[in-house]
N, C-alpha and C. Protein backbone atom coordinates (compact mmCIF):
# COMPACT_ATOMS: atom_id res chain seq x y z
N UNK A 1 -0.92 -9.30 15.90
CA UNK A 1 1.01 -9.99 16.06
C UNK A 1 1.72 -9.03 16.26
N UNK A 2 2.23 -9.73 17.38
CA UNK A 2 2.99 -9.17 18.28
C UNK A 2 4.42 -8.52 17.38
N UNK A 3 4.39 -6.98 17.63
CA UNK A 3 5.42 -6.48 17.15
C UNK A 3 7.21 -7.39 17.90
N UNK A 4 8.09 -7.35 16.85
CA UNK A 4 9.20 -7.85 16.50
C UNK A 4 10.46 -6.96 17.03
N UNK A 5 10.67 -6.92 18.06
CA UNK A 5 11.49 -6.09 18.85
C UNK A 5 12.88 -6.63 18.11
N UNK A 6 14.24 -5.44 18.45
CA UNK A 6 15.24 -5.97 18.64
C UNK A 6 16.30 -7.00 19.45
N UNK A 7 15.10 -6.64 20.74
CA UNK A 7 15.59 -7.29 22.02
C UNK A 7 14.93 -8.87 21.65
N UNK A 8 13.82 -8.61 20.93
CA UNK A 8 13.63 -10.45 20.82
C UNK A 8 14.14 -11.25 20.11
N UNK A 9 15.08 -10.14 19.07
CA UNK A 9 15.71 -10.72 18.02
C UNK A 9 16.93 -11.27 18.86
N UNK A 10 17.55 -10.45 19.39
CA UNK A 10 18.89 -11.06 20.40
C UNK A 10 18.72 -11.58 21.25
N UNK A 11 17.46 -12.06 21.80
CA UNK A 11 17.43 -13.19 23.21
C UNK A 11 16.86 -14.33 22.35
N UNK A 12 16.65 -14.08 20.95
CA UNK A 12 16.31 -15.78 20.33
C UNK A 12 17.97 -16.11 20.00
N UNK A 13 19.03 -14.68 19.60
CA UNK A 13 20.27 -15.50 18.87
C UNK A 13 20.70 -15.66 20.10
N UNK A 14 20.82 -15.40 21.20
CA UNK A 14 21.53 -15.92 22.44
C UNK A 14 21.26 -17.25 22.74
N UNK A 15 19.66 -17.72 22.56
CA UNK A 15 19.38 -18.87 23.23
C UNK A 15 19.51 -19.73 21.87
N UNK A 16 19.80 -19.97 20.89
CA UNK A 16 19.79 -20.64 19.49
C UNK A 16 20.85 -20.81 18.50
N UNK A 17 21.53 -19.84 18.54
CA UNK A 17 23.03 -19.51 18.18
C UNK A 17 22.30 -19.22 16.49
N UNK A 18 21.22 -18.51 15.94
CA UNK A 18 21.24 -18.97 14.43
C UNK A 18 21.46 -17.54 14.21
N UNK A 19 21.58 -17.28 13.14
CA UNK A 19 21.51 -15.42 12.27
C UNK A 19 20.51 -14.60 12.76
N UNK A 20 20.79 -13.54 12.72
CA UNK A 20 19.87 -12.54 13.02
C UNK A 20 18.60 -12.44 12.22
N UNK A 21 18.69 -12.52 11.20
CA UNK A 21 17.94 -12.53 9.85
C UNK A 21 17.03 -13.74 10.21
N UNK A 22 17.62 -14.94 10.65
CA UNK A 22 16.80 -16.16 10.74
C UNK A 22 16.16 -16.10 12.05
N UNK A 23 16.37 -15.40 12.90
CA UNK A 23 15.60 -15.22 14.13
C UNK A 23 14.62 -13.91 13.95
N UNK A 24 14.72 -13.11 12.92
CA UNK A 24 13.72 -12.16 12.73
C UNK A 24 12.46 -13.33 12.34
N UNK A 25 13.08 -13.77 10.56
CA UNK A 25 12.47 -14.78 10.20
C UNK A 25 11.15 -15.57 11.35
N UNK A 26 11.62 -15.78 11.90
CA UNK A 26 11.57 -17.53 13.07
C UNK A 26 10.02 -16.35 13.79
N UNK A 27 10.94 -15.47 14.49
CA UNK A 27 9.89 -14.48 14.77
C UNK A 27 8.34 -14.05 14.49
N UNK A 28 8.70 -13.82 13.51
CA UNK A 28 7.59 -13.07 12.32
C UNK A 28 6.78 -14.77 11.93
N UNK A 29 7.19 -15.20 11.87
CA UNK A 29 6.72 -16.96 11.36
C UNK A 29 5.93 -17.45 12.66
N UNK A 30 6.38 -16.83 13.50
CA UNK A 30 5.43 -17.40 15.57
C UNK A 30 4.83 -16.80 15.68
N UNK A 31 4.77 -15.05 14.94
CA UNK A 31 3.94 -13.96 15.57
C UNK A 31 4.73 -13.80 16.98
N UNK A 32 5.48 -13.95 17.25
CA UNK A 32 6.50 -13.23 18.33
C UNK A 32 6.83 -14.33 19.63
N UNK A 33 5.94 -15.65 19.34
CA UNK A 33 6.44 -16.71 20.10
C UNK A 33 7.75 -17.12 20.29
N UNK A 34 8.56 -16.82 21.30
CA UNK A 34 10.20 -17.45 21.37
C UNK A 34 9.87 -19.18 21.70
N UNK A 35 9.42 -19.50 22.30
CA UNK A 35 9.59 -21.10 22.47
C UNK A 35 9.28 -21.75 21.15
N UNK A 36 8.29 -21.51 20.30
CA UNK A 36 7.95 -21.74 18.85
C UNK A 36 9.02 -21.51 17.96
N UNK A 37 9.55 -19.91 18.18
CA UNK A 37 10.17 -19.83 17.22
C UNK A 37 12.02 -20.60 17.71
N UNK A 38 11.77 -21.14 18.99
CA UNK A 38 13.36 -22.03 18.99
C UNK A 38 12.95 -23.61 18.59
N UNK A 39 11.97 -23.98 18.46
CA UNK A 39 11.48 -25.03 18.02
C UNK A 39 11.81 -25.15 16.23
N UNK A 40 10.88 -23.51 15.48
CA UNK A 40 11.20 -23.84 14.21
C UNK A 40 12.58 -23.75 13.62
N UNK A 41 13.15 -22.68 14.60
CA UNK A 41 14.76 -23.14 14.09
C UNK A 41 15.51 -24.27 14.32
N UNK A 42 14.95 -24.93 15.16
CA UNK A 42 15.90 -26.21 15.19
C UNK A 42 15.73 -27.29 14.49
N UNK A 43 14.39 -27.35 14.05
CA UNK A 43 13.89 -27.98 12.90
C UNK A 43 14.72 -28.12 11.91
N UNK A 44 14.57 -26.49 11.36
CA UNK A 44 15.18 -25.52 10.15
C UNK A 44 17.28 -26.13 10.24
N UNK A 45 17.13 -26.43 11.03
CA UNK A 45 18.77 -26.07 11.54
C UNK A 45 18.95 -28.11 11.46
N UNK A 46 17.88 -29.03 11.96
CA UNK A 46 17.92 -30.14 11.59
C UNK A 46 17.96 -30.50 9.97
N UNK A 47 17.07 -30.04 9.35
CA UNK A 47 16.83 -29.91 7.71
C UNK A 47 18.04 -30.03 7.31
N UNK A 48 18.84 -28.61 7.60
CA UNK A 48 20.09 -28.07 7.06
C UNK A 48 21.25 -29.61 7.30
N UNK A 49 21.21 -29.32 8.92
CA UNK A 49 21.92 -31.01 8.93
C UNK A 49 21.84 -31.81 8.16
N UNK A 50 21.17 -32.28 7.73
CA UNK A 50 20.77 -33.39 7.07
C UNK A 50 21.38 -33.30 5.47
N UNK A 51 21.34 -31.76 5.18
CA UNK A 51 21.89 -31.41 3.89
C UNK A 51 23.10 -31.66 3.53
N UNK A 52 23.80 -31.23 4.95
CA UNK A 52 25.24 -31.19 4.77
C UNK A 52 25.90 -32.22 4.77
N UNK A 53 25.25 -33.90 4.93
CA UNK A 53 25.89 -34.75 5.52
C UNK A 53 26.27 -35.28 4.52
N UNK A 54 26.22 -34.93 3.71
CA UNK A 54 26.83 -35.52 2.00
C UNK A 54 28.50 -34.67 1.86
N UNK A 55 28.76 -34.08 2.38
CA UNK A 55 29.75 -33.06 2.16
C UNK A 55 31.15 -33.62 2.88
N UNK A 56 32.27 -33.55 2.53
CA UNK A 56 33.36 -34.48 2.54
C UNK A 56 34.13 -33.85 4.45
N UNK A 57 34.30 -34.18 5.34
CA UNK A 57 34.62 -33.93 6.52
C UNK A 57 36.08 -34.65 6.32
N UNK A 58 37.23 -33.93 6.42
CA UNK A 58 38.57 -34.23 6.39
C UNK A 58 39.37 -33.86 7.35
N UNK A 59 38.51 -32.37 7.85
CA UNK A 59 39.59 -31.73 8.90
C UNK A 59 38.99 -32.37 10.13
N UNK A 60 39.55 -31.80 11.39
CA UNK A 60 38.42 -31.95 12.72
C UNK A 60 39.72 -32.40 14.09
N UNK A 61 39.62 -32.90 14.77
CA UNK A 61 40.34 -32.83 16.09
C UNK A 61 40.67 -34.69 16.75
N UNK A 62 41.30 -34.73 17.81
CA UNK A 62 41.40 -35.81 18.13
C UNK A 62 41.47 -35.62 19.39
N UNK A 63 40.57 -35.57 20.64
CA UNK A 63 41.12 -35.36 21.99
C UNK A 63 41.13 -36.77 22.54
N UNK A 64 41.24 -36.44 24.03
CA UNK A 64 41.29 -37.72 24.85
C UNK A 64 40.71 -36.85 26.10
N UNK A 65 40.04 -38.02 26.40
CA UNK A 65 39.50 -38.09 28.15
C UNK A 65 39.76 -38.71 29.16
N UNK A 66 40.06 -38.37 30.27
CA UNK A 66 40.49 -39.22 31.08
C UNK A 66 39.64 -39.07 32.17
N UNK A 67 38.99 -40.24 32.68
CA UNK A 67 38.04 -39.87 33.86
C UNK A 67 37.91 -39.75 35.33
N UNK A 68 37.82 -38.83 36.45
CA UNK A 68 38.26 -38.47 37.42
C UNK A 68 38.71 -39.34 38.14
N UNK A 69 38.63 -40.87 37.79
CA UNK A 69 38.86 -41.79 39.20
C UNK A 69 40.25 -42.66 38.42
N UNK A 70 40.54 -42.22 37.09
CA UNK A 70 41.60 -42.11 36.36
C UNK A 70 41.23 -44.01 35.87
N UNK A 71 41.02 -44.84 35.73
CA UNK A 71 40.43 -45.89 35.61
C UNK A 71 40.03 -46.08 34.33
N UNK A 72 39.37 -44.96 33.48
CA UNK A 72 38.68 -45.14 32.26
C UNK A 72 39.13 -44.18 31.53
N UNK A 73 39.70 -44.50 29.97
CA UNK A 73 39.97 -43.24 29.09
C UNK A 73 39.47 -43.61 27.74
N UNK A 74 39.62 -42.29 27.01
CA UNK A 74 38.97 -42.14 25.84
C UNK A 74 39.83 -41.60 24.93
N UNK A 75 39.99 -42.17 23.77
CA UNK A 75 40.63 -41.20 22.59
C UNK A 75 39.71 -41.27 21.35
N UNK A 76 39.10 -40.02 21.15
CA UNK A 76 38.23 -40.04 20.42
C UNK A 76 38.32 -38.90 18.75
N UNK A 77 38.46 -39.13 17.29
CA UNK A 77 38.26 -38.11 16.50
C UNK A 77 37.10 -38.05 16.03
N UNK A 78 36.77 -36.93 15.68
CA UNK A 78 35.36 -36.16 15.47
C UNK A 78 36.65 -34.92 14.07
N UNK A 79 35.34 -34.93 13.11
CA UNK A 79 36.15 -34.47 12.37
C UNK A 79 34.74 -33.38 11.01
N UNK A 80 35.71 -32.10 10.38
CA UNK A 80 34.14 -31.74 9.86
C UNK A 80 35.20 -31.58 8.81
N UNK A 81 34.49 -30.16 7.91
CA UNK A 81 35.29 -29.94 6.56
C UNK A 81 36.26 -29.09 6.56
N UNK A 82 35.91 -27.99 7.63
CA UNK A 82 38.00 -27.21 7.69
C UNK A 82 38.23 -26.90 8.95
N UNK A 83 39.49 -26.73 9.06
CA UNK A 83 40.37 -26.39 9.58
C UNK A 83 39.44 -24.94 11.06
N UNK A 84 39.04 -24.12 10.48
CA UNK A 84 38.15 -23.09 11.13
C UNK A 84 37.57 -23.56 11.57
N UNK A 85 36.42 -24.14 11.33
CA UNK A 85 35.62 -24.78 12.82
C UNK A 85 36.36 -25.70 13.67
N UNK A 86 36.83 -26.77 13.05
CA UNK A 86 38.09 -27.50 14.12
C UNK A 86 38.24 -26.89 14.88
N UNK A 87 39.12 -25.25 15.04
CA UNK A 87 39.62 -24.87 15.66
C UNK A 87 38.22 -23.89 16.66
N UNK A 88 36.97 -24.15 16.29
CA UNK A 88 35.74 -23.35 16.91
C UNK A 88 35.91 -23.83 18.89
N UNK A 89 35.25 -23.14 20.06
CA UNK A 89 35.01 -23.47 20.98
C UNK A 89 33.87 -24.83 21.07
N UNK A 90 32.83 -24.51 20.10
CA UNK A 90 31.47 -25.43 19.73
C UNK A 90 32.21 -27.05 19.23
N UNK A 91 32.73 -26.63 18.46
CA UNK A 91 33.38 -27.78 18.02
C UNK A 91 34.04 -28.62 19.08
N UNK A 92 35.08 -27.75 19.46
CA UNK A 92 35.79 -28.77 20.73
C UNK A 92 35.06 -29.32 21.79
N UNK A 93 34.30 -28.00 21.94
CA UNK A 93 33.53 -28.74 23.32
C UNK A 93 32.25 -30.21 22.79
N UNK A 94 32.26 -30.06 21.28
CA UNK A 94 30.86 -31.55 21.01
C UNK A 94 32.13 -32.55 21.00
N UNK A 95 32.91 -32.59 20.76
CA UNK A 95 34.42 -33.15 21.00
C UNK A 95 34.43 -34.15 22.27
N UNK A 96 34.60 -32.94 23.32
CA UNK A 96 35.51 -33.01 24.26
C UNK A 96 34.00 -34.00 25.50
N UNK A 97 32.88 -33.64 24.87
CA UNK A 97 31.13 -34.22 25.38
C UNK A 97 31.42 -35.19 24.86
N UNK A 98 31.26 -35.73 23.60
CA UNK A 98 31.22 -37.18 23.42
C UNK A 98 32.39 -37.93 23.81
N UNK A 99 33.40 -37.68 23.90
CA UNK A 99 34.65 -38.34 24.37
C UNK A 99 33.92 -38.74 26.20
N UNK A 100 33.46 -37.63 26.87
CA UNK A 100 33.13 -38.16 28.14
C UNK A 100 32.16 -38.86 28.02
N UNK A 101 31.61 -38.69 27.23
CA UNK A 101 29.96 -39.72 26.94
C UNK A 101 30.43 -40.94 26.66
N UNK A 102 31.81 -41.40 25.93
CA UNK A 102 31.95 -42.59 25.44
C UNK A 102 32.64 -43.29 26.82
N UNK A 103 33.60 -42.71 27.85
CA UNK A 103 33.76 -43.36 28.82
C UNK A 103 33.24 -43.16 29.86
N UNK A 104 31.75 -42.90 30.07
CA UNK A 104 30.39 -43.27 30.75
C UNK A 104 29.66 -44.38 30.23
N UNK A 105 29.15 -44.00 28.91
CA UNK A 105 28.19 -45.13 28.26
C UNK A 105 28.77 -46.38 27.34
N UNK A 106 29.92 -46.64 27.11
CA UNK A 106 30.83 -47.62 26.67
C UNK A 106 29.96 -47.95 25.80
N UNK A 107 30.10 -47.20 24.51
CA UNK A 107 29.19 -47.83 23.23
C UNK A 107 30.40 -48.74 23.02
N UNK A 108 29.59 -49.72 21.67
CA UNK A 108 30.34 -50.87 21.23
C UNK A 108 30.54 -50.42 19.76
N UNK A 109 30.13 -49.22 19.40
CA UNK A 109 29.93 -49.32 17.95
C UNK A 109 29.54 -48.02 17.51
N UNK A 110 29.73 -47.39 16.68
CA UNK A 110 28.96 -45.30 16.22
C UNK A 110 27.91 -45.80 16.02
N UNK A 111 27.59 -46.59 15.35
CA UNK A 111 26.08 -46.63 14.73
C UNK A 111 25.86 -47.69 14.27
N UNK A 112 23.98 -47.66 14.22
CA UNK A 112 23.64 -49.41 13.55
C UNK A 112 24.19 -50.06 12.67
N UNK A 113 24.80 -48.98 11.40
CA UNK A 113 25.77 -49.65 10.20
C UNK A 113 26.36 -50.72 10.69
N UNK A 114 26.74 -50.42 11.37
CA UNK A 114 28.39 -50.66 11.73
C UNK A 114 28.14 -51.95 12.72
N UNK A 115 26.49 -52.26 13.24
CA UNK A 115 26.85 -53.66 14.20
C UNK A 115 26.51 -54.72 13.09
N UNK A 116 27.31 -55.62 13.36
CA UNK A 116 27.21 -57.22 12.36
C UNK A 116 26.35 -57.60 12.21
N UNK A 117 25.77 -58.29 11.00
CA UNK A 117 24.51 -58.91 11.02
C UNK A 117 24.62 -59.98 12.04
N UNK A 118 25.53 -61.20 12.17
CA UNK A 118 25.05 -62.01 13.14
C UNK A 118 25.03 -61.37 14.29
N UNK A 119 25.07 -60.31 14.79
CA UNK A 119 25.14 -59.76 16.17
C UNK A 119 23.80 -59.22 16.07
N UNK A 120 23.08 -58.70 15.11
CA UNK A 120 21.26 -57.89 14.54
C UNK A 120 20.72 -59.92 14.95
N UNK A 121 20.97 -60.89 14.42
CA UNK A 121 20.36 -61.64 13.55
C UNK A 121 20.02 -62.39 15.17
N UNK A 122 20.87 -62.74 15.99
CA UNK A 122 21.17 -63.71 17.23
C UNK A 122 20.63 -62.95 18.50
N UNK A 123 20.48 -61.06 18.08
CA UNK A 123 19.76 -60.62 19.05
C UNK A 123 17.73 -60.59 18.91
N UNK A 124 18.04 -60.47 17.35
CA UNK A 124 16.35 -60.85 17.06
C UNK A 124 16.23 -62.09 17.51
N UNK A 125 16.40 -63.22 16.89
CA UNK A 125 16.13 -64.38 17.77
C UNK A 125 15.97 -64.69 19.34
N UNK A 126 16.86 -63.93 20.13
CA UNK A 126 16.44 -64.31 21.28
C UNK A 126 15.54 -62.99 21.95
N UNK A 127 15.02 -62.18 21.91
CA UNK A 127 14.21 -61.15 21.60
C UNK A 127 12.73 -62.09 20.97
N UNK A 128 12.76 -62.60 20.10
CA UNK A 128 11.77 -63.25 19.75
C UNK A 128 11.02 -64.23 20.71
N UNK A 129 12.38 -65.17 20.77
CA UNK A 129 11.74 -66.69 21.95
C UNK A 129 11.55 -66.22 23.03
N UNK A 130 12.02 -64.68 23.76
CA UNK A 130 11.80 -64.36 25.14
C UNK A 130 10.11 -63.89 24.85
N UNK A 131 10.04 -63.07 23.76
CA UNK A 131 8.16 -62.57 23.76
C UNK A 131 7.61 -63.59 23.42
N UNK A 132 7.95 -64.55 22.67
CA UNK A 132 6.99 -66.05 22.86
C UNK A 132 6.48 -66.89 24.24
N UNK A 133 7.94 -66.98 24.60
CA UNK A 133 7.66 -67.43 26.60
C UNK A 133 6.98 -66.63 27.27
N UNK A 134 6.89 -64.85 27.16
CA UNK A 134 5.93 -64.19 27.85
C UNK A 134 4.50 -64.78 27.80
N UNK A 135 4.50 -65.29 26.38
CA UNK A 135 3.05 -65.55 25.96
C UNK A 135 2.74 -64.18 24.60
N UNK A 136 3.16 -63.28 24.36
CA UNK A 136 2.77 -62.37 23.67
C UNK A 136 2.33 -63.03 22.36
N UNK A 137 1.33 -62.53 21.79
CA UNK A 137 0.52 -63.00 20.66
C UNK A 137 1.39 -63.06 19.16
N UNK A 138 1.17 -63.92 18.59
CA UNK A 138 2.21 -64.22 17.40
C UNK A 138 2.29 -62.70 16.46
N UNK A 139 0.66 -61.94 16.42
CA UNK A 139 0.25 -61.08 15.59
C UNK A 139 1.32 -60.02 15.88
N UNK A 140 1.19 -59.59 17.34
CA UNK A 140 2.38 -58.66 17.45
C UNK A 140 4.02 -58.77 18.06
N UNK A 141 4.34 -60.06 17.58
CA UNK A 141 5.66 -60.09 17.88
C UNK A 141 6.94 -59.47 17.08
N UNK A 142 6.33 -59.06 16.16
CA UNK A 142 7.36 -58.20 15.05
C UNK A 142 7.61 -56.79 15.91
N UNK A 143 6.91 -56.22 16.52
CA UNK A 143 6.40 -55.15 16.62
C UNK A 143 7.19 -54.85 18.12
N UNK A 144 6.82 -55.77 18.93
CA UNK A 144 7.80 -56.20 20.30
C UNK A 144 9.05 -56.02 20.21
N UNK A 145 9.32 -57.25 19.19
CA UNK A 145 11.06 -57.13 19.04
C UNK A 145 11.77 -55.89 18.64
N UNK A 146 10.71 -55.12 17.10
CA UNK A 146 10.92 -53.97 16.75
C UNK A 146 11.73 -53.22 18.37
N UNK A 147 10.88 -52.77 18.64
CA UNK A 147 10.73 -52.35 20.00
C UNK A 147 12.40 -52.47 20.64
N UNK A 148 12.40 -53.91 20.99
CA UNK A 148 13.42 -54.02 22.61
C UNK A 148 14.91 -54.01 21.33
N UNK A 149 14.86 -53.92 19.94
CA UNK A 149 15.94 -53.78 18.89
C UNK A 149 16.61 -52.03 19.09
N UNK A 150 15.62 -51.74 19.49
CA UNK A 150 15.89 -50.00 19.17
C UNK A 150 16.12 -49.66 20.44
N UNK A 151 15.99 -50.85 21.57
CA UNK A 151 16.68 -50.48 22.94
C UNK A 151 18.53 -50.93 23.30
N UNK A 152 18.27 -52.12 21.95
CA UNK A 152 19.32 -52.84 21.92
C UNK A 152 20.57 -52.07 21.36
N UNK A 153 19.75 -51.20 20.13
CA UNK A 153 20.89 -50.44 19.46
C UNK A 153 21.80 -48.99 20.53
N UNK A 154 20.10 -48.76 21.09
CA UNK A 154 20.70 -47.63 22.11
C UNK A 154 21.78 -48.10 23.30
N UNK A 155 21.98 -49.37 23.43
CA UNK A 155 23.07 -49.33 24.52
C UNK A 155 24.17 -49.45 24.02
N UNK A 156 24.13 -50.63 22.60
CA UNK A 156 25.48 -50.65 22.16
C UNK A 156 25.99 -49.33 21.06
N UNK A 157 24.99 -48.66 20.33
CA UNK A 157 25.70 -47.76 19.78
C UNK A 157 25.47 -46.20 19.97
N UNK A 158 26.68 -45.26 19.84
CA UNK A 158 26.87 -44.07 20.19
C UNK A 158 26.08 -43.42 19.36
N UNK A 159 25.75 -43.30 18.44
CA UNK A 159 24.68 -42.49 18.24
C UNK A 159 23.33 -41.90 18.69
N UNK A 160 22.82 -43.36 18.85
CA UNK A 160 21.61 -44.04 19.44
C UNK A 160 21.14 -43.98 20.72
N UNK A 161 22.62 -43.49 21.72
CA UNK A 161 22.47 -43.34 22.78
C UNK A 161 21.61 -42.15 23.37
N UNK A 162 21.34 -41.94 24.44
CA UNK A 162 20.85 -41.15 25.23
C UNK A 162 21.62 -40.12 26.04
N UNK A 163 22.28 -38.75 25.51
CA UNK A 163 23.46 -38.04 25.85
C UNK A 163 23.35 -38.29 27.09
N UNK A 164 24.71 -38.25 27.97
CA UNK A 164 24.96 -38.84 29.63
C UNK A 164 24.00 -37.14 30.28
N UNK A 165 24.57 -36.38 29.77
CA UNK A 165 24.52 -35.08 30.26
C UNK A 165 22.99 -34.30 30.07
N UNK A 166 22.73 -34.90 29.05
CA UNK A 166 21.27 -34.49 28.81
C UNK A 166 20.15 -35.51 28.32
N UNK A 167 19.26 -36.49 29.06
CA UNK A 167 19.55 -37.98 28.18
C UNK A 167 17.66 -37.44 27.17
N UNK A 168 17.15 -35.56 27.41
CA UNK A 168 16.26 -36.11 26.56
C UNK A 168 16.53 -35.71 25.00
N UNK A 169 18.27 -35.66 24.71
CA UNK A 169 18.83 -36.04 23.61
C UNK A 169 19.58 -36.78 23.18
N UNK A 170 19.59 -37.38 22.34
CA UNK A 170 20.78 -38.68 21.75
C UNK A 170 22.27 -37.86 21.29
N UNK A 171 23.32 -38.44 21.06
CA UNK A 171 24.37 -38.28 20.60
C UNK A 171 24.37 -37.56 19.53
N UNK A 172 23.37 -38.49 18.49
CA UNK A 172 22.89 -37.65 16.85
C UNK A 172 22.37 -36.48 16.98
N UNK A 173 21.88 -36.49 18.18
CA UNK A 173 20.95 -35.20 18.45
C UNK A 173 21.69 -33.52 18.58
N UNK A 174 22.60 -34.06 19.38
CA UNK A 174 23.60 -33.43 19.78
C UNK A 174 24.78 -32.88 18.42
N UNK A 175 24.88 -33.91 17.84
CA UNK A 175 25.86 -33.43 16.93
C UNK A 175 24.84 -32.91 15.49
N UNK A 176 23.57 -32.84 15.64
CA UNK A 176 23.32 -32.37 14.51
C UNK A 176 23.03 -31.21 14.78
N UNK A 177 22.87 -30.51 16.15
CA UNK A 177 22.62 -29.23 16.42
C UNK A 177 23.87 -28.87 16.22
N UNK A 178 24.73 -29.12 16.56
CA UNK A 178 26.20 -28.52 16.16
C UNK A 178 26.60 -27.80 14.51
N UNK A 179 26.03 -29.09 14.02
CA UNK A 179 26.19 -29.10 12.42
C UNK A 179 25.46 -27.54 12.01
N UNK A 180 24.31 -27.54 12.49
CA UNK A 180 23.10 -26.49 12.18
C UNK A 180 24.46 -25.24 12.88
N UNK A 181 24.38 -24.91 13.59
CA UNK A 181 24.92 -24.36 14.53
C UNK A 181 26.19 -23.58 13.54
N UNK A 182 27.16 -24.63 13.28
CA UNK A 182 28.36 -23.87 12.80
C UNK A 182 28.14 -24.20 11.05
N UNK A 183 27.14 -24.86 11.12
CA UNK A 183 27.08 -24.62 8.85
C UNK A 183 28.39 -25.30 8.55
N UNK A 184 28.68 -26.39 8.79
CA UNK A 184 29.60 -27.71 8.51
C UNK A 184 29.27 -28.87 8.79
N UNK A 185 29.57 -30.05 7.93
CA UNK A 185 29.34 -31.73 7.96
C UNK A 185 30.28 -31.48 9.09
N UNK A 186 29.58 -32.75 10.61
CA UNK A 186 30.48 -32.95 11.27
C UNK A 186 30.40 -34.69 11.23
N UNK A 187 31.63 -35.16 11.41
CA UNK A 187 31.23 -36.62 11.17
C UNK A 187 32.05 -37.22 12.48
N UNK A 188 31.28 -38.28 13.39
CA UNK A 188 31.82 -39.17 14.17
C UNK A 188 32.77 -39.98 13.89
N UNK A 189 34.42 -39.98 14.23
CA UNK A 189 35.37 -41.27 13.39
C UNK A 189 35.32 -42.12 14.67
N UNK A 190 36.56 -42.59 14.73
CA UNK A 190 37.06 -43.68 15.57
C UNK A 190 36.83 -43.47 16.98
N UNK A 191 36.82 -43.94 18.10
CA UNK A 191 36.99 -44.14 19.48
C UNK A 191 37.72 -45.12 20.03
N UNK A 192 38.70 -45.42 21.07
CA UNK A 192 39.16 -46.15 21.60
C UNK A 192 38.75 -45.93 22.64
N UNK A 193 38.12 -47.09 24.06
CA UNK A 193 38.10 -46.60 25.02
C UNK A 193 38.74 -47.89 25.90
N UNK A 194 39.35 -47.20 26.95
CA UNK A 194 40.29 -48.29 27.95
C UNK A 194 39.82 -48.06 28.77
N UNK A 195 39.48 -49.06 29.64
CA UNK A 195 39.24 -49.30 31.46
C UNK A 195 40.26 -50.04 31.47
N UNK A 196 40.61 -49.79 32.68
CA UNK A 196 41.66 -50.11 33.96
C UNK A 196 41.73 -51.99 34.23
N UNK A 197 41.95 -52.88 33.60
CA UNK A 197 41.87 -53.97 33.69
C UNK A 197 41.04 -54.77 32.74
N UNK A 198 40.58 -54.21 31.73
CA UNK A 198 39.77 -54.78 30.72
C UNK A 198 40.30 -55.06 29.35
N UNK A 199 39.92 -55.69 28.46
CA UNK A 199 40.77 -56.27 27.66
C UNK A 199 41.34 -55.36 26.39
């Protein structure tokens, strides 16, 4: 097993933002493998984020973002548990990043549970008909529709959308990573997107 040095712990801490002891334990668990340690800390952090999701988030910030062409603007509310966390650079960077994402990706809803049932039913019936006209077998229709509905939610729901600056992660992943980093529940609140000439 590789010797775990202070420099390795410092590097892992710099790359993940995790505590020194957490970094040391992760390196010990993975035999000193830096990339595996990063994955391990991310998984643990996301598990902790899920546990924190039930805690009340009454503090936070309202941020604004005006796109460089001055034709699109966003007001966005991001909530957390304490004003201390709301004042951190990481929290404020997250709020600004999501506001910028909203300006560019134009989501209609925050999450799937906000999408009206009649819109979901309508979309399912369209996708089912489309799959039938493509000659897809009846046995796989539901699976095809499920896949297409997943793409539908990606288009219209903020939390499901790939983050515009890094499409390897969703907006939900971004929020969960910051929860893991800051140790508090973070909740995406309301947003309003204005586009010049729009309704």
